Amino acid sequence: MYRLAELGFTQSYNYFAWRNSKDELEHYFTELTQPPVADFFHPNLWPNTPDILTQFLQAGGRNAFAIRFILAATLGASYGIYGPAFELCENTPREPGSEEYFNSEKYEIKRWDLSAPQSLENMIARVNQIRRENAALQSNRNLRFHRTDNRESIAYTKSTDDGGNVVLTVVNLSPHHTHSGWLELPLKDFGLDAEKPYQMHDLLIGARYLWKGERNYIELDPGKSSAHIFHLRRHVHTEYDFDYFT
């Protein structure tokens, strides 16, 4: 892969599909987004392909598809999905132990029910809108992972070079169980005062949370939502003696 990228291929395949644990994801994306690899390699993240239906997707059901989609769309500037198979959470393999689809579209013409209740259509549309509206998600630069005290919760920020746009994504990596814990953010690095509140706007569902200090509590129930995609809004004190957020 690296050799092909060095020869000039501007979109590179990678092993994202098989990186599932917190340690695997943090290690792999630290490698991909820092020099020397980042100087020539531009990953295109695919959670599935016509040839790849991973064991995680097979076993995790719709929540697993949501988790892998959000990771792909927020960890990388470029992502893709093989749909409608992905959008409709198709997870039946050709045979036990196989990573190929049952009755693959490679070999037959399929008619998809795009209105099926398990469709991820609304989530995909919303996340794509978030990506368009937040420049931080349009680059592979400035990806930073942040400490959580739960191994099933992964947290990372992406920011623009000038720090004007900061997006924090928190994902529950388990498709079956609720996980919670404490998240630590280095506030000074984001121009925040640890003694003043700041607002975290969840762009997925529209909720707003007022945080204070470097450690804050997070909890994600995959039955409701497997992730937060927060826009960090800074606290500002004005000459008119009232507070607002930018």
Protein backbone atom coordinates (compact mmCIF):
# COMPACT_ATOMS: atom_id res chain seq x y z
CA MET A 1 0.00 0.00 0.00
CA TYR A 2 2.69 2.47 0.96
CA ARG A 3 4.68 1.72 -2.20
CA LEU A 4 1.65 2.37 -4.40
CA ALA A 5 1.00 5.64 -2.58
CA GLU A 6 4.61 6.72 -3.09
CA LEU A 7 4.21 6.00 -6.80
CA GLY A 8 1.36 8.50 -7.00
CA PHE A 9 -1.95 6.86 -6.12
CA THR A 10 -3.86 9.61 -4.32
CA GLN A 11 -6.49 7.41 -2.65
CA SER A 12 -5.16 4.44 -0.72
CA TYR A 13 -6.80 1.27 0.51
CA ASN A 14 -5.93 0.29 4.08
CA TYR A 15 -6.68 -2.09 6.95
CA PHE A 16 -9.29 0.03 8.73
CA ALA A 17 -11.96 -2.66 8.20
CA TRP A 18 -10.11 -5.05 10.53
CA ARG A 19 -9.08 -2.59 13.23
CA ASN A 20 -11.81 -2.92 15.86
CA SER A 21 -10.38 -2.46 19.36
CA LYS A 22 -9.47 0.87 20.92
CA ASP A 23 -5.76 0.04 20.96
CA GLU A 24 -5.80 -1.10 17.33
CA LEU A 25 -7.58 2.02 16.13
CA GLU A 26 -5.41 4.45 18.10
CA HIS A 27 -2.16 2.78 17.03
CA TYR A 28 -3.15 2.46 13.36
CA PHE A 29 -4.48 5.97 12.89
CA THR A 30 -1.57 7.52 14.73
CA GLU A 31 0.63 5.79 12.15
CA LEU A 32 -1.51 6.90 9.18
CA THR A 33 -1.95 10.55 10.16
CA GLN A 34 1.58 11.46 11.25
CA PRO A 35 4.83 11.79 9.27
CA PRO A 36 6.37 10.09 7.49
CA VAL A 37 3.28 8.14 6.38
CA ALA A 38 0.99 11.17 6.26
CA ASP A 39 3.38 12.88 3.84
CA PHE A 40 2.47 10.52 1.01
CA PHE A 41 -0.40 8.26 2.10
CA HIS A 42 -4.05 9.36 1.89
CA PRO A 43 -6.34 6.65 3.29
CA ASN A 44 -9.85 6.09 2.00
CA LEU A 45 -11.74 4.34 4.79
CA TRP A 46 -14.15 1.55 3.84
CA PRO A 47 -15.99 -0.40 6.56
CA ASN A 48 -17.11 -2.91 3.92
CA THR A 49 -16.63 -3.65 0.22
CA PRO A 50 -18.27 -6.06 -2.26
CA ASP A 51 -15.59 -8.55 -1.15
CA ILE A 52 -15.45 -7.79 2.56
CA LEU A 53 -18.12 -8.38 5.19
CA THR A 54 -16.11 -8.43 8.41
CA GLN A 55 -16.85 -10.61 11.40
CA PHE A 56 -17.61 -7.49 13.45
CA LEU A 57 -20.42 -6.53 11.06
CA GLN A 58 -21.71 -10.10 10.88
CA ALA A 59 -21.98 -10.43 14.66
CA GLY A 60 -22.93 -6.90 15.70
CA GLY A 61 -26.06 -6.22 13.69
CA ARG A 62 -27.26 -2.71 12.91
CA ASN A 63 -25.35 -1.12 15.81
CA ALA A 64 -22.08 -2.51 14.44
CA PHE A 65 -22.77 -0.87 11.07
CA ALA A 66 -23.48 2.46 12.81
CA ILE A 67 -20.24 2.23 14.81
CA ARG A 68 -18.06 1.46 11.80
CA PHE A 69 -19.73 4.13 9.69
CA ILE A 70 -19.17 6.88 12.26
CA LEU A 71 -15.56 5.83 12.79
CA ALA A 72 -14.91 5.89 9.02
CA ALA A 73 -16.62 9.24 8.51
CA THR A 74 -14.91 11.02 11.42
CA LEU A 75 -11.45 9.44 11.57
CA GLY A 76 -10.74 10.04 7.89
CA ALA A 77 -11.18 12.90 5.46
CA SER A 78 -12.23 10.39 2.80
CA TYR A 79 -14.46 7.37 3.32
CA GLY A 80 -16.70 5.08 1.30
CA ILE A 81 -19.34 2.40 1.82
CA TYR A 82 -20.51 -0.42 -0.39
CA GLY A 83 -24.23 0.14 -0.46
CA PRO A 84 -27.10 -0.42 -0.39
CA ALA A 85 -25.71 -3.51 1.35
CA PHE A 86 -24.10 -1.35 4.05
CA GLU A 87 -26.93 1.17 4.32
CA LEU A 88 -29.40 -1.72 4.87
CA CYS A 89 -27.08 -3.57 7.27
CA GLU A 90 -26.83 -6.76 5.21
CA ASN A 91 -24.73 -9.11 7.36
CA THR A 92 -25.26 -12.68 6.12
CA PRO A 93 -22.00 -14.33 5.00
CA ARG A 94 -21.66 -16.84 2.18
CA GLU A 95 -20.77 -19.50 4.73
CA PRO A 96 -19.55 -19.66 8.35
CA GLY A 97 -16.08 -18.15 8.64
CA SER A 98 -16.34 -16.37 5.28
CA GLU A 99 -16.09 -12.62 4.80
CA GLU A 100 -18.01 -12.71 1.50
CA TYR A 101 -21.66 -11.78 1.21
CA PHE A 102 -24.33 -14.44 0.80
CA ASN A 103 -25.77 -14.23 -2.74
CA SER A 104 -23.30 -11.47 -3.51
CA GLU A 105 -24.28 -8.68 -5.85
CA LYS A 106 -21.10 -9.51 -7.74
CA TYR A 107 -22.89 -12.56 -9.18
CA GLU A 108 -26.54 -11.56 -9.45
CA ILE A 109 -28.77 -8.55 -9.93
CA LYS A 110 -30.41 -7.58 -6.64
CA ARG A 111 -33.46 -5.50 -5.87
CA TRP A 112 -33.08 -3.55 -2.64
CA ASP A 113 -35.84 -2.34 -0.34
CA LEU A 114 -34.41 1.09 0.42
CA SER A 115 -37.28 1.87 2.80
CA ALA A 116 -36.46 -1.05 5.11
CA PRO A 117 -36.73 -0.05 8.81
CA GLN A 118 -33.11 -0.98 9.59
CA SER A 119 -31.76 1.47 7.01
CA LEU A 120 -29.00 3.86 8.10
CA GLU A 121 -30.08 6.41 5.49
CA ASN A 122 -30.91 9.19 7.96
CA MET A 123 -27.70 8.72 9.93
CA ILE A 124 -25.57 8.71 6.80
CA ALA A 125 -27.25 11.88 5.54
CA ARG A 126 -26.80 13.64 8.88
CA VAL A 127 -23.13 12.71 9.24
CA ASN A 128 -22.40 13.81 5.68
CA GLN A 129 -24.01 17.17 6.50
CA ILE A 130 -21.84 17.43 9.63
CA ARG A 131 -18.76 16.73 7.50
CA ARG A 132 -19.70 19.46 5.03
CA GLU A 133 -20.26 22.00 7.81
CA ASN A 134 -17.07 21.26 9.79
CA ALA A 135 -13.75 21.81 8.06
CA ALA A 136 -11.94 19.87 10.78
CA LEU A 137 -13.46 16.64 9.44
CA GLN A 138 -12.29 17.36 5.90
CA SER A 139 -8.62 16.80 6.68
CA ASN A 140 -6.46 14.05 8.14
CA ARG A 141 -4.32 16.60 9.98
CA ASN A 142 -4.60 17.36 13.67
CA LEU A 143 -6.16 14.05 14.72
CA ARG A 144 -5.61 13.52 18.47
CA PHE A 145 -6.79 10.70 20.67
CA HIS A 146 -7.86 11.45 24.23
CA ARG A 147 -7.87 9.33 27.35
CA THR A 148 -11.00 7.56 28.53
CA ASP A 149 -11.04 5.16 31.47
CA ASN A 150 -13.16 2.60 29.61
CA ARG A 151 -11.53 0.39 26.98
CA GLU A 152 -14.79 0.22 25.02
CA SER A 153 -14.95 4.01 24.61
CA ILE A 154 -12.70 5.80 22.15
CA ALA A 155 -12.44 9.59 21.94
CA TYR A 156 -10.60 11.84 19.51
CA THR A 157 -10.60 15.40 18.24
CA LYS A 158 -9.97 16.84 14.81
CA SER A 159 -9.35 20.55 14.40
CA THR A 160 -8.53 23.07 11.73
CA ASP A 161 -4.99 24.44 11.65
CA ASP A 162 -6.11 27.73 13.21
CA GLY A 163 -8.09 25.97 15.94
CA GLY A 164 -11.29 27.69 14.90
CA ASN A 165 -13.20 24.46 14.34
CA VAL A 166 -12.81 21.61 16.83
CA VAL A 167 -14.86 18.40 16.65
CA LEU A 168 -14.74 15.77 19.40
CA THR A 169 -16.03 12.30 18.52
CA VAL A 170 -16.74 9.72 21.22
CA VAL A 171 -17.71 6.20 20.15
CA ASN A 172 -18.91 3.19 22.11
CA LEU A 173 -17.05 0.35 20.39
CA SER A 174 -19.46 -2.29 21.69
CA PRO A 175 -22.58 -2.90 19.56
CA HIS A 176 -24.34 -4.71 22.40
CA HIS A 177 -23.67 -2.97 25.73
CA THR A 178 -23.87 0.48 27.29
CA HIS A 179 -20.49 1.87 28.34
CA SER A 180 -19.62 4.90 30.42
CA GLY A 181 -16.60 6.55 31.96
CA TRP A 182 -14.54 9.70 32.27
CA LEU A 183 -13.03 11.56 29.34
CA GLU A 184 -10.02 13.85 29.69
CA LEU A 185 -9.40 16.85 27.44
CA PRO A 186 -6.29 19.06 27.51
CA LEU A 187 -8.22 22.32 27.70
CA LYS A 188 -5.24 24.64 27.33
CA ASP A 189 -4.49 23.09 23.95
CA PHE A 190 -7.92 24.22 22.77
CA GLY A 191 -7.71 27.70 24.25
CA LEU A 192 -10.05 26.90 27.14
CA ASP A 193 -9.89 27.98 30.77
CA ALA A 194 -10.37 25.02 33.14
CA GLU A 195 -12.24 27.32 35.55
CA LYS A 196 -14.88 28.36 33.02
CA PRO A 197 -17.66 26.29 31.45
CA TYR A 198 -17.73 25.44 27.80
CA GLN A 199 -20.46 23.97 25.64
CA MET A 200 -20.37 20.65 23.80
CA HIS A 201 -22.98 20.60 21.04
CA ASP A 202 -23.85 17.06 19.93
CA LEU A 203 -24.30 17.51 16.20
CA LEU A 204 -25.88 14.07 15.76
CA ILE A 205 -28.93 14.68 17.91
CA GLY A 206 -28.80 18.42 18.58
CA ALA A 207 -28.31 18.13 22.36
CA ARG A 208 -26.10 20.65 24.18
CA TYR A 209 -24.06 19.93 27.31
CA LEU A 210 -22.29 22.37 29.59
CA TRP A 211 -18.91 20.97 30.64
CA LYS A 212 -16.32 22.32 33.05
CA GLY A 213 -12.79 21.15 33.71
CA GLU A 214 -10.67 18.58 31.96
CA ARG A 215 -12.58 15.47 33.12
CA ASN A 216 -16.20 14.92 32.15
CA TYR A 217 -18.55 11.96 32.27
CA ILE A 218 -19.75 10.21 29.12
CA GLU A 219 -22.23 7.37 28.62
CA LEU A 220 -23.39 5.77 25.39
CA ASP A 221 -26.18 3.24 24.99
CA PRO A 222 -26.00 1.61 21.52
CA GLY A 223 -29.76 1.11 21.66
CA LYS A 224 -30.08 4.90 21.48
CA SER A 225 -26.84 6.16 19.94
CA SER A 226 -23.38 4.65 19.65
CA ALA A 227 -21.59 7.98 19.38
CA HIS A 228 -21.39 11.65 20.14
CA ILE A 229 -20.05 14.05 17.51
CA PHE A 230 -19.46 17.22 19.52
CA HIS A 231 -18.73 20.69 18.24
CA LEU A 232 -16.66 22.42 20.92
CA ARG A 233 -18.07 25.88 21.59
CA ARG A 234 -15.92 28.23 23.63
CA HIS A 235 -17.20 30.31 26.53
CA VAL A 236 -16.93 34.06 25.95
CA HIS A 237 -17.49 36.90 28.43
CA THR A 238 -18.49 40.17 26.80
CA GLU A 239 -18.40 43.82 27.80
CA TYR A 240 -22.19 43.69 28.15
CA ASP A 241 -21.76 41.31 31.09
CA PHE A 242 -23.49 38.25 29.71
CA ASP A 243 -22.15 34.95 28.51
CA TYR A 244 -22.40 33.26 25.15
CA PHE A 245 -20.63 30.55 23.20
CA THR A 246 -18.83 30.61 19.86
